All heavy atoms as atom14 arrays in JSON, in Angstrom:
{
  "sequence": "ERELVASVSSDEITNYAESVKGRFTISRDNAKNTVYLQMNSLKPEDTA",
  "atom14_mask": [
    [1, 1, 1, 1, 1, 1, 1, 1, 1, 0, 0, 0, 0, 0],
    [1, 1, 1, 1, 1, 1, 1, 1, 1, 1, 1, 0, 0, 0],
    [1, 1, 1, 1, 1, 1, 1, 1, 1, 0, 0, 0, 0, 0],
    [1, 1, 1, 1, 1, 1, 1, 1, 0, 0, 0, 0, 0, 0],
    [1, 1, 1, 1, 1, 1, 1, 0, 0, 0, 0, 0, 0, 0],
    [1, 1, 1, 1, 1, 0, 0, 0, 0, 0, 0, 0, 0, 0],
    [1, 1, 1, 1, 1, 1, 0, 0, 0, 0, 0, 0, 0, 0],
    [1, 1, 1, 1, 1, 1, 1, 0, 0, 0, 0, 0, 0, 0],
    [1, 1, 1, 1, 1, 1, 0, 0, 0, 0, 0, 0, 0, 0],
    [1, 1, 1, 1, 1, 1, 0, 0, 0, 0, 0, 0, 0, 0],
    [1, 1, 1, 1, 1, 1, 1, 1, 0, 0, 0, 0, 0, 0],
    [1, 1, 1, 1, 1, 1, 1, 1, 1, 0, 0, 0, 0, 0],
    [1, 1, 1, 1, 1, 1, 1, 1, 0, 0, 0, 0, 0, 0],
    [1, 1, 1, 1, 1, 1, 1, 0, 0, 0, 0, 0, 0, 0],
    [1, 1, 1, 1, 1, 1, 1, 1, 0, 0, 0, 0, 0, 0],
    [1, 1, 1, 1, 1, 1, 1, 1, 1, 1, 1, 1, 0, 0],
    [1, 1, 1, 1, 1, 0, 0, 0, 0, 0, 0, 0, 0, 0],
    [1, 1, 1, 1, 1, 1, 1, 1, 1, 0, 0, 0, 0, 0],
    [1, 1, 1, 1, 1, 1, 0, 0, 0, 0, 0, 0, 0, 0],
    [1, 1, 1, 1, 1, 1, 1, 0, 0, 0, 0, 0, 0, 0],
    [1, 1, 1, 1, 1, 1, 1, 1, 1, 0, 0, 0, 0, 0],
    [1, 1, 1, 1, 0, 0, 0, 0, 0, 0, 0, 0, 0, 0],
    [1, 1, 1, 1, 1, 1, 1, 1, 1, 1, 1, 0, 0, 0],
    [1, 1, 1, 1, 1, 1, 1, 1, 1, 1, 1, 0, 0, 0],
    [1, 1, 1, 1, 1, 1, 1, 0, 0, 0, 0, 0, 0, 0],
    [1, 1, 1, 1, 1, 1, 1, 1, 0, 0, 0, 0, 0, 0],
    [1, 1, 1, 1, 1, 1, 0, 0, 0, 0, 0, 0, 0, 0],
    [1, 1, 1, 1, 1, 1, 1, 1, 1, 1, 1, 0, 0, 0],
    [1, 1, 1, 1, 1, 1, 1, 1, 0, 0, 0, 0, 0, 0],
    [1, 1, 1, 1, 1, 1, 1, 1, 0, 0, 0, 0, 0, 0],
    [1, 1, 1, 1, 1, 0, 0, 0, 0, 0, 0, 0, 0, 0],
    [1, 1, 1, 1, 1, 1, 1, 1, 1, 0, 0, 0, 0, 0],
    [1, 1, 1, 1, 1, 1, 1, 1, 0, 0, 0, 0, 0, 0],
    [1, 1, 1, 1, 1, 1, 1, 0, 0, 0, 0, 0, 0, 0],
    [1, 1, 1, 1, 1, 1, 1, 0, 0, 0, 0, 0, 0, 0],
    [1, 1, 1, 1, 1, 1, 1, 1, 1, 1, 1, 1, 0, 0],
    [1, 1, 1, 1, 1, 1, 1, 1, 0, 0, 0, 0, 0, 0],
    [1, 1, 1, 1, 1, 1, 1, 1, 1, 0, 0, 0, 0, 0],
    [1, 1, 1, 1, 1, 1, 1, 1, 0, 0, 0, 0, 0, 0],
    [1, 1, 1, 1, 1, 1, 1, 1, 0, 0, 0, 0, 0, 0],
    [1, 1, 1, 1, 1, 1, 0, 0, 0, 0, 0, 0, 0, 0],
    [1, 1, 1, 1, 1, 1, 1, 1, 0, 0, 0, 0, 0, 0],
    [1, 1, 1, 1, 1, 1, 1, 1, 1, 0, 0, 0, 0, 0],
    [1, 1, 1, 1, 1, 1, 1, 0, 0, 0, 0, 0, 0, 0],
    [1, 1, 1, 1, 1, 1, 1, 1, 1, 0, 0, 0, 0, 0],
    [1, 1, 1, 1, 1, 1, 1, 1, 0, 0, 0, 0, 0, 0],
    [1, 1, 1, 1, 1, 1, 1, 0, 0, 0, 0, 0, 0, 0],
    [1, 1, 1, 1, 1, 0, 0, 0, 0, 0, 0, 0, 0, 0]
  ],
  "atom14_positions": [
    [[-3.17, 34.15, 2.07], [-4.04, 33.14, 2.68], [-3.53, 31.74, 2.39], [-2.85, 31.5, 1.38], [-5.47, 33.29, 2.14], [-6.13, 34.62, 2.45], [-6.46, 34.78, 3.91], [-6.72, 33.76, 4.58], [-6.45, 35.92, 4.4], [0.0, 0.0, 0.0], [0.0, 0.0, 0.0], [0.0, 0.0, 0.0], [0.0, 0.0, 0.0], [0.0, 0.0, 0.0]],
    [[-3.86, 30.83, 3.27], [-3.55, 29.42, 3.06], [-4.33, 28.9, 1.85], [-5.51, 29.22, 1.68], [-3.9, 28.62, 4.3], [-3.61, 27.13, 4.21], [-4.07, 26.42, 5.47], [-5.5, 26.55, 5.66], [-6.15, 26.23, 6.77], [-5.49, 25.75, 7.81], [-7.46, 26.38, 6.84], [0.0, 0.0, 0.0], [0.0, 0.0, 0.0], [0.0, 0.0, 0.0]],
    [[-3.7, 28.08, 1.03], [-4.35, 27.53, -0.14], [-4.06, 26.04, -0.28], [-3.01, 25.56, 0.12], [-3.91, 28.26, -1.41], [-2.44, 28.09, -1.75], [-2.06, 28.7, -3.08], [-2.95, 29.01, -3.88], [-0.83, 28.86, -3.33], [0.0, 0.0, 0.0], [0.0, 0.0, 0.0], [0.0, 0.0, 0.0], [0.0, 0.0, 0.0], [0.0, 0.0, 0.0]],
    [[-5.02, 25.34, -0.84], [-4.85, 23.92, -1.13], [-3.92, 23.74, -2.32], [-4.11, 24.36, -3.37], [-6.2, 23.27, -1.42], [-6.17, 21.8, -1.83], [-5.7, 20.92, -0.67], [-7.55, 21.35, -2.3], [0.0, 0.0, 0.0], [0.0, 0.0, 0.0], [0.0, 0.0, 0.0], [0.0, 0.0, 0.0], [0.0, 0.0, 0.0], [0.0, 0.0, 0.0]],
    [[-2.92, 22.88, -2.16], [-1.98, 22.58, -3.23], [-2.37, 21.29, -3.94], [-2.46, 21.24, -5.17], [-0.55, 22.47, -2.69], [0.42, 22.09, -3.82], [-0.12, 23.78, -2.05], [0.0, 0.0, 0.0], [0.0, 0.0, 0.0], [0.0, 0.0, 0.0], [0.0, 0.0, 0.0], [0.0, 0.0, 0.0], [0.0, 0.0, 0.0], [0.0, 0.0, 0.0]],
    [[-2.58, 20.22, -3.17], [-2.92, 18.93, -3.74], [-3.54, 18.05, -2.67], [-3.26, 18.21, -1.48], [-1.68, 18.24, -4.32], [0.0, 0.0, 0.0], [0.0, 0.0, 0.0], [0.0, 0.0, 0.0], [0.0, 0.0, 0.0], [0.0, 0.0, 0.0], [0.0, 0.0, 0.0], [0.0, 0.0, 0.0], [0.0, 0.0, 0.0], [0.0, 0.0, 0.0]],
    [[-4.37, 17.11, -3.08], [-4.99, 16.18, -2.15], [-5.1, 14.81, -2.8], [-5.1, 14.68, -4.02], [-6.38, 16.67, -1.72], [-7.28, 16.7, -2.81], [0.0, 0.0, 0.0], [0.0, 0.0, 0.0], [0.0, 0.0, 0.0], [0.0, 0.0, 0.0], [0.0, 0.0, 0.0], [0.0, 0.0, 0.0], [0.0, 0.0, 0.0], [0.0, 0.0, 0.0]],
    [[-5.19, 13.8, -1.96], [-5.37, 12.43, -2.43], [-6.32, 11.71, -1.48], [-6.17, 11.79, -0.26], [-4.03, 11.69, -2.58], [-3.26, 11.65, -1.26], [-4.24, 10.28, -3.12], [0.0, 0.0, 0.0], [0.0, 0.0, 0.0], [0.0, 0.0, 0.0], [0.0, 0.0, 0.0], [0.0, 0.0, 0.0], [0.0, 0.0, 0.0], [0.0, 0.0, 0.0]],
    [[-7.31, 11.03, -2.04], [-8.3, 10.32, -1.25], [-7.86, 8.89, -0.99], [-6.84, 8.42, -1.49], [-9.65, 10.33, -1.97], [-9.59, 9.56, -3.15], [0.0, 0.0, 0.0], [0.0, 0.0, 0.0], [0.0, 0.0, 0.0], [0.0, 0.0, 0.0], [0.0, 0.0, 0.0], [0.0, 0.0, 0.0], [0.0, 0.0, 0.0], [0.0, 0.0, 0.0]],
    [[-8.66, 8.17, -0.2], [-8.34, 6.78, 0.13], [-8.38, 5.88, -1.09], [-7.72, 4.84, -1.1], [-9.29, 6.26, 1.2], [-10.64, 6.33, 0.77], [0.0, 0.0, 0.0], [0.0, 0.0, 0.0], [0.0, 0.0, 0.0], [0.0, 0.0, 0.0], [0.0, 0.0, 0.0], [0.0, 0.0, 0.0], [0.0, 0.0, 0.0], [0.0, 0.0, 0.0]],
    [[-9.15, 6.24, -2.1], [-9.19, 5.47, -3.34], [-8.28, 6.06, -4.42], [-8.46, 5.79, -5.61], [-10.62, 5.33, -3.85], [-11.34, 6.65, -4.04], [-10.77, 7.7, -3.66], [-12.47, 6.63, -4.55], [0.0, 0.0, 0.0], [0.0, 0.0, 0.0], [0.0, 0.0, 0.0], [0.0, 0.0, 0.0], [0.0, 0.0, 0.0], [0.0, 0.0, 0.0]],
    [[-7.3, 6.86, -3.99], [-6.21, 7.37, -4.83], [-6.65, 8.42, -5.85], [-5.91, 8.68, -6.81], [-5.5, 6.22, -5.55], [-5.0, 5.12, -4.62], [-3.98, 5.62, -3.61], [-3.24, 6.57, -3.93], [-3.93, 5.05, -2.5], [0.0, 0.0, 0.0], [0.0, 0.0, 0.0], [0.0, 0.0, 0.0], [0.0, 0.0, 0.0], [0.0, 0.0, 0.0]],
    [[-7.79, 9.05, -5.65], [-8.19, 10.16, -6.5], [-7.42, 11.4, -6.07], [-7.38, 11.74, -4.89], [-9.7, 10.41, -6.42], [-10.46, 9.18, -6.95], [-10.09, 11.65, -7.21], [-11.96, 9.26, -6.78], [0.0, 0.0, 0.0], [0.0, 0.0, 0.0], [0.0, 0.0, 0.0], [0.0, 0.0, 0.0], [0.0, 0.0, 0.0], [0.0, 0.0, 0.0]],
    [[-6.82, 12.08, -7.03], [-5.99, 13.25, -6.74], [-6.6, 14.52, -7.3], [-7.31, 14.5, -8.31], [-4.58, 13.08, -7.3], [-4.64, 12.89, -8.72], [-3.89, 11.89, -6.67], [0.0, 0.0, 0.0], [0.0, 0.0, 0.0], [0.0, 0.0, 0.0], [0.0, 0.0, 0.0], [0.0, 0.0, 0.0], [0.0, 0.0, 0.0], [0.0, 0.0, 0.0]],
    [[-6.29, 15.63, -6.64], [-6.69, 16.95, -7.09], [-5.51, 17.9, -6.91], [-4.76, 17.78, -5.94], [-7.9, 17.47, -6.32], [-9.17, 16.73, -6.65], [-9.77, 16.95, -7.68], [-9.57, 15.83, -5.76], [0.0, 0.0, 0.0], [0.0, 0.0, 0.0], [0.0, 0.0, 0.0], [0.0, 0.0, 0.0], [0.0, 0.0, 0.0], [0.0, 0.0, 0.0]],
    [[-5.38, 18.85, -7.83], [-4.27, 19.8, -7.79], [-4.76, 21.21, -8.02], [-5.71, 21.44, -8.79], [-3.23, 19.47, -8.87], [-2.55, 18.15, -8.69], [-3.03, 17.01, -9.31], [-1.4, 18.05, -7.92], [-2.41, 15.79, -9.15], [-0.76, 16.83, -7.76], [-1.27, 15.7, -8.38], [-0.63, 14.49, -8.22], [0.0, 0.0, 0.0], [0.0, 0.0, 0.0]],
    [[-4.09, 22.14, -7.38], [-4.31, 23.54, -7.72], [-3.83, 23.79, -9.15], [-2.85, 23.18, -9.6], [-3.55, 24.44, -6.76], [0.0, 0.0, 0.0], [0.0, 0.0, 0.0], [0.0, 0.0, 0.0], [0.0, 0.0, 0.0], [0.0, 0.0, 0.0], [0.0, 0.0, 0.0], [0.0, 0.0, 0.0], [0.0, 0.0, 0.0], [0.0, 0.0, 0.0]],
    [[-4.51, 24.67, -9.85], [-4.16, 24.94, -11.24], [-2.71, 25.4, -11.38], [-2.03, 25.05, -12.36], [-5.1, 25.98, -11.83], [-4.92, 26.23, -13.32], [-5.28, 25.03, -14.16], [-6.14, 24.24, -13.74], [-4.69, 24.87, -15.25], [0.0, 0.0, 0.0], [0.0, 0.0, 0.0], [0.0, 0.0, 0.0], [0.0, 0.0, 0.0], [0.0, 0.0, 0.0]],
    [[-2.21, 26.12, -10.41], [-0.87, 26.68, -10.48], [0.24, 25.63, -10.41], [1.38, 25.93, -10.76], [-0.67, 27.71, -9.36], [-0.83, 27.11, -8.09], [0.0, 0.0, 0.0], [0.0, 0.0, 0.0], [0.0, 0.0, 0.0], [0.0, 0.0, 0.0], [0.0, 0.0, 0.0], [0.0, 0.0, 0.0], [0.0, 0.0, 0.0], [0.0, 0.0, 0.0]],
    [[-0.08, 24.42, -9.96], [0.95, 23.39, -9.81], [0.73, 22.19, -10.72], [1.57, 21.28, -10.74], [1.07, 22.91, -8.35], [1.27, 24.09, -7.41], [-0.14, 22.08, -7.93], [0.0, 0.0, 0.0], [0.0, 0.0, 0.0], [0.0, 0.0, 0.0], [0.0, 0.0, 0.0], [0.0, 0.0, 0.0], [0.0, 0.0, 0.0], [0.0, 0.0, 0.0]],
    [[-0.35, 22.16, -11.48], [-0.62, 21.04, -12.37], [0.51, 20.85, -13.37], [0.99, 21.81, -13.98], [-1.93, 21.25, -13.12], [-3.16, 20.98, -12.29], [-4.43, 21.14, -13.12], [-5.67, 20.83, -12.31], [-6.9, 21.02, -13.1], [0.0, 0.0, 0.0], [0.0, 0.0, 0.0], [0.0, 0.0, 0.0], [0.0, 0.0, 0.0], [0.0, 0.0, 0.0]],
    [[0.92, 19.61, -13.52], [2.01, 19.3, -14.42], [3.39, 19.42, -13.81], [4.37, 18.96, -14.41], [0.0, 0.0, 0.0], [0.0, 0.0, 0.0], [0.0, 0.0, 0.0], [0.0, 0.0, 0.0], [0.0, 0.0, 0.0], [0.0, 0.0, 0.0], [0.0, 0.0, 0.0], [0.0, 0.0, 0.0], [0.0, 0.0, 0.0], [0.0, 0.0, 0.0]],
    [[3.48, 20.04, -12.64], [4.76, 20.22, -11.98], [4.87, 19.43, -10.67], [5.94, 18.93, -10.34], [5.02, 21.7, -11.67], [5.06, 22.59, -12.9], [5.54, 24.0, -12.55], [4.62, 24.66, -11.63], [4.97, 25.13, -10.43], [6.23, 25.0, -10.0], [4.07, 25.74, -9.66], [0.0, 0.0, 0.0], [0.0, 0.0, 0.0], [0.0, 0.0, 0.0]],
    [[3.76, 19.33, -9.94], [3.75, 18.65, -8.65], [2.99, 17.33, -8.77], [2.02, 17.22, -9.54], [3.06, 19.49, -7.58], [3.8, 20.73, -7.16], [4.92, 21.18, -7.83], [3.36, 21.45, -6.05], [5.6, 22.32, -7.44], [4.02, 22.6, -5.65], [5.13, 23.04, -6.33], [0.0, 0.0, 0.0], [0.0, 0.0, 0.0], [0.0, 0.0, 0.0]],
    [[3.4, 16.35, -7.97], [2.71, 15.07, -7.91], [2.54, 14.66, -6.46], [3.51, 14.59, -5.71], [3.48, 13.98, -8.66], [3.67, 14.36, -10.03], [2.7, 12.66, -8.63], [0.0, 0.0, 0.0], [0.0, 0.0, 0.0], [0.0, 0.0, 0.0], [0.0, 0.0, 0.0], [0.0, 0.0, 0.0], [0.0, 0.0, 0.0], [0.0, 0.0, 0.0]],
    [[1.3, 14.37, -6.06], [1.03, 13.87, -4.72], [0.87, 12.36, -4.78], [0.28, 11.82, -5.72], [-0.22, 14.55, -4.11], [-0.36, 14.19, -2.63], [-1.48, 14.21, -4.88], [-1.42, 15.02, -1.89], [0.0, 0.0, 0.0], [0.0, 0.0, 0.0], [0.0, 0.0, 0.0], [0.0, 0.0, 0.0], [0.0, 0.0, 0.0], [0.0, 0.0, 0.0]],
    [[1.39, 11.67, -3.79], [1.26, 10.23, -3.72], [1.12, 9.81, -2.27], [1.43, 10.57, -1.35], [2.45, 9.52, -4.37], [3.66, 9.86, -3.74], [0.0, 0.0, 0.0], [0.0, 0.0, 0.0], [0.0, 0.0, 0.0], [0.0, 0.0, 0.0], [0.0, 0.0, 0.0], [0.0, 0.0, 0.0], [0.0, 0.0, 0.0], [0.0, 0.0, 0.0]],
    [[0.66, 8.59, -2.08], [0.31, 8.12, -0.74], [0.76, 6.68, -0.56], [0.55, 5.84, -1.43], [-1.21, 8.25, -0.56], [-1.78, 7.74, 0.72], [-3.27, 8.07, 0.77], [-3.93, 7.49, 1.92], [-5.18, 7.73, 2.27], [-5.92, 8.56, 1.54], [-5.7, 7.16, 3.34], [0.0, 0.0, 0.0], [0.0, 0.0, 0.0], [0.0, 0.0, 0.0]],
    [[1.38, 6.41, 0.57], [1.79, 5.06, 0.95], [0.94, 4.68, 2.16], [1.22, 5.08, 3.28], [3.27, 5.01, 1.28], [3.77, 3.6, 1.53], [2.97, 2.73, 1.92], [4.98, 3.36, 1.34], [0.0, 0.0, 0.0], [0.0, 0.0, 0.0], [0.0, 0.0, 0.0], [0.0, 0.0, 0.0], [0.0, 0.0, 0.0], [0.0, 0.0, 0.0]],
    [[-0.1, 3.9, 1.92], [-1.04, 3.57, 2.98], [-0.4, 2.71, 4.08], [-0.74, 2.85, 5.26], [-2.25, 2.83, 2.41], [-3.11, 3.73, 1.54], [-3.21, 4.93, 1.78], [-3.74, 3.14, 0.53], [0.0, 0.0, 0.0], [0.0, 0.0, 0.0], [0.0, 0.0, 0.0], [0.0, 0.0, 0.0], [0.0, 0.0, 0.0], [0.0, 0.0, 0.0]],
    [[0.53, 1.85, 3.7], [1.18, 0.99, 4.69], [2.01, 1.8, 5.68], [2.19, 1.39, 6.82], [2.05, -0.04, 3.99], [0.0, 0.0, 0.0], [0.0, 0.0, 0.0], [0.0, 0.0, 0.0], [0.0, 0.0, 0.0], [0.0, 0.0, 0.0], [0.0, 0.0, 0.0], [0.0, 0.0, 0.0], [0.0, 0.0, 0.0], [0.0, 0.0, 0.0]],
    [[2.52, 2.95, 5.24], [3.34, 3.79, 6.09], [2.61, 5.01, 6.63], [3.2, 5.83, 7.34], [4.57, 4.26, 5.33], [5.51, 3.14, 4.91], [6.72, 3.68, 4.16], [7.67, 2.58, 3.77], [8.84, 3.1, 3.03], [0.0, 0.0, 0.0], [0.0, 0.0, 0.0], [0.0, 0.0, 0.0], [0.0, 0.0, 0.0], [0.0, 0.0, 0.0]],
    [[1.32, 5.15, 6.29], [0.54, 6.33, 6.68], [1.27, 7.62, 6.3], [1.33, 8.58, 7.08], [0.23, 6.32, 8.18], [-0.78, 5.26, 8.55], [-1.62, 4.88, 7.75], [-0.7, 4.79, 9.79], [0.0, 0.0, 0.0], [0.0, 0.0, 0.0], [0.0, 0.0, 0.0], [0.0, 0.0, 0.0], [0.0, 0.0, 0.0], [0.0, 0.0, 0.0]],
    [[1.79, 7.65, 5.09], [2.63, 8.74, 4.64], [2.15, 9.29, 3.31], [1.74, 8.53, 2.43], [4.09, 8.28, 4.52], [4.56, 7.85, 5.8], [4.98, 9.41, 4.02], [0.0, 0.0, 0.0], [0.0, 0.0, 0.0], [0.0, 0.0, 0.0], [0.0, 0.0, 0.0], [0.0, 0.0, 0.0], [0.0, 0.0, 0.0], [0.0, 0.0, 0.0]],
    [[2.21, 10.6, 3.17], [1.9, 11.27, 1.91], [3.14, 12.04, 1.47], [3.88, 12.57, 2.3], [0.67, 12.19, 2.04], [0.94, 13.34, 3.0], [0.23, 12.71, 0.68], [0.0, 0.0, 0.0], [0.0, 0.0, 0.0], [0.0, 0.0, 0.0], [0.0, 0.0, 0.0], [0.0, 0.0, 0.0], [0.0, 0.0, 0.0], [0.0, 0.0, 0.0]],
    [[3.36, 12.09, 0.16], [4.51, 12.76, -0.41], [4.05, 13.84, -1.39], [2.98, 13.74, -2.0], [5.41, 11.79, -1.17], [5.85, 10.59, -0.36], [5.13, 9.41, -0.38], [7.0, 10.65, 0.43], [5.53, 8.31, 0.36], [7.41, 9.56, 1.16], [6.68, 8.39, 1.13], [7.09, 7.31, 1.86], [0.0, 0.0, 0.0], [0.0, 0.0, 0.0]],
    [[4.87, 14.83, -1.57], [4.66, 15.82, -2.62], [5.97, 16.0, -3.37], [6.93, 16.54, -2.81], [4.17, 17.15, -2.05], [3.76, 18.19, -3.09], [2.49, 17.74, -3.83], [3.52, 19.55, -2.44], [0.0, 0.0, 0.0], [0.0, 0.0, 0.0], [0.0, 0.0, 0.0], [0.0, 0.0, 0.0], [0.0, 0.0, 0.0], [0.0, 0.0, 0.0]],
    [[6.0, 15.52, -4.6], [7.15, 15.71, -5.47], [6.95, 17.02, -6.22], [5.97, 17.18, -6.94], [7.29, 14.56, -6.45], [8.43, 14.71, -7.44], [9.78, 14.64, -6.79], [10.04, 13.75, -5.99], [10.65, 15.58, -7.13], [0.0, 0.0, 0.0], [0.0, 0.0, 0.0], [0.0, 0.0, 0.0], [0.0, 0.0, 0.0], [0.0, 0.0, 0.0]],
    [[7.87, 17.95, -6.04], [7.77, 19.28, -6.63], [8.9, 19.47, -7.63], [10.07, 19.45, -7.27], [7.83, 20.35, -5.54], [6.73, 20.23, -4.51], [6.82, 21.51, -3.22], [8.24, 20.92, -2.3], [0.0, 0.0, 0.0], [0.0, 0.0, 0.0], [0.0, 0.0, 0.0], [0.0, 0.0, 0.0], [0.0, 0.0, 0.0], [0.0, 0.0, 0.0]],
    [[8.53, 19.64, -8.89], [9.49, 19.85, -9.97], [9.29, 21.22, -10.59], [8.24, 21.85, -10.43], [9.33, 18.77, -11.05], [9.57, 17.38, -10.54], [10.41, 17.16, -9.67], [8.84, 16.4, -11.09], [0.0, 0.0, 0.0], [0.0, 0.0, 0.0], [0.0, 0.0, 0.0], [0.0, 0.0, 0.0], [0.0, 0.0, 0.0], [0.0, 0.0, 0.0]],
    [[10.29, 21.67, -11.32], [10.23, 22.97, -12.0], [9.78, 24.08, -11.06], [8.89, 24.87, -11.38], [9.3, 22.88, -13.22], [9.74, 21.89, -14.12], [0.0, 0.0, 0.0], [0.0, 0.0, 0.0], [0.0, 0.0, 0.0], [0.0, 0.0, 0.0], [0.0, 0.0, 0.0], [0.0, 0.0, 0.0], [0.0, 0.0, 0.0], [0.0, 0.0, 0.0]],
    [[10.4, 24.13, -9.92], [9.97, 25.07, -8.88], [10.2, 26.51, -9.3], [11.17, 26.84, -9.98], [10.7, 24.77, -7.58], [10.14, 23.56, -6.81], [11.15, 23.03, -5.81], [8.83, 23.95, -6.11], [0.0, 0.0, 0.0], [0.0, 0.0, 0.0], [0.0, 0.0, 0.0], [0.0, 0.0, 0.0], [0.0, 0.0, 0.0], [0.0, 0.0, 0.0]],
    [[9.29, 27.36, -8.86], [9.3, 28.78, -9.15], [9.38, 29.57, -7.86], [8.97, 29.09, -6.8], [8.03, 29.18, -9.91], [7.77, 28.4, -11.18], [6.42, 28.77, -11.77], [6.13, 27.98, -13.03], [4.8, 28.33, -13.59], [0.0, 0.0, 0.0], [0.0, 0.0, 0.0], [0.0, 0.0, 0.0], [0.0, 0.0, 0.0], [0.0, 0.0, 0.0]],
    [[9.88, 30.81, -7.91], [9.92, 31.62, -6.69], [8.55, 31.76, -6.02], [8.47, 31.82, -4.79], [10.44, 32.97, -7.19], [11.29, 32.61, -8.36], [10.58, 31.47, -9.02], [0.0, 0.0, 0.0], [0.0, 0.0, 0.0], [0.0, 0.0, 0.0], [0.0, 0.0, 0.0], [0.0, 0.0, 0.0], [0.0, 0.0, 0.0], [0.0, 0.0, 0.0]],
    [[7.48, 31.79, -6.81], [6.15, 31.92, -6.24], [5.67, 30.67, -5.51], [4.61, 30.69, -4.88], [5.13, 32.32, -7.32], [5.19, 31.48, -8.57], [6.02, 32.11, -9.67], [7.13, 32.61, -9.38], [5.56, 32.13, -10.83], [0.0, 0.0, 0.0], [0.0, 0.0, 0.0], [0.0, 0.0, 0.0], [0.0, 0.0, 0.0], [0.0, 0.0, 0.0]],
    [[6.43, 29.58, -5.58], [6.14, 28.39, -4.79], [6.65, 28.51, -3.36], [6.35, 27.65, -2.53], [6.75, 27.14, -5.42], [6.14, 26.81, -6.77], [4.9, 26.9, -6.91], [6.9, 26.45, -7.69], [0.0, 0.0, 0.0], [0.0, 0.0, 0.0], [0.0, 0.0, 0.0], [0.0, 0.0, 0.0], [0.0, 0.0, 0.0], [0.0, 0.0, 0.0]],
    [[7.41, 29.54, -3.07], [7.94, 29.75, -1.73], [6.81, 29.91, -0.73], [5.94, 30.77, -0.89], [8.85, 30.98, -1.7], [9.99, 30.76, -2.53], [9.33, 31.26, -0.28], [0.0, 0.0, 0.0], [0.0, 0.0, 0.0], [0.0, 0.0, 0.0], [0.0, 0.0, 0.0], [0.0, 0.0, 0.0], [0.0, 0.0, 0.0], [0.0, 0.0, 0.0]],
    [[6.82, 29.08, 0.3], [5.75, 29.09, 1.3], [6.07, 28.09, 2.39], [7.0, 27.28, 2.26], [4.4, 28.74, 0.66], [0.0, 0.0, 0.0], [0.0, 0.0, 0.0], [0.0, 0.0, 0.0], [0.0, 0.0, 0.0], [0.0, 0.0, 0.0], [0.0, 0.0, 0.0], [0.0, 0.0, 0.0], [0.0, 0.0, 0.0], [0.0, 0.0, 0.0]]
  ]
}
């Protein structure tokens, strides 16, 4: 099933799935209407 990995609100509040905490970072550039996901220490189970 599809699962939530990370989210960021307009006031920069972030949430992460427990499985990616400490490894992934979500960030947002409001001027560019762009969101990023930095993924570190990747595991085979991150394949998706």
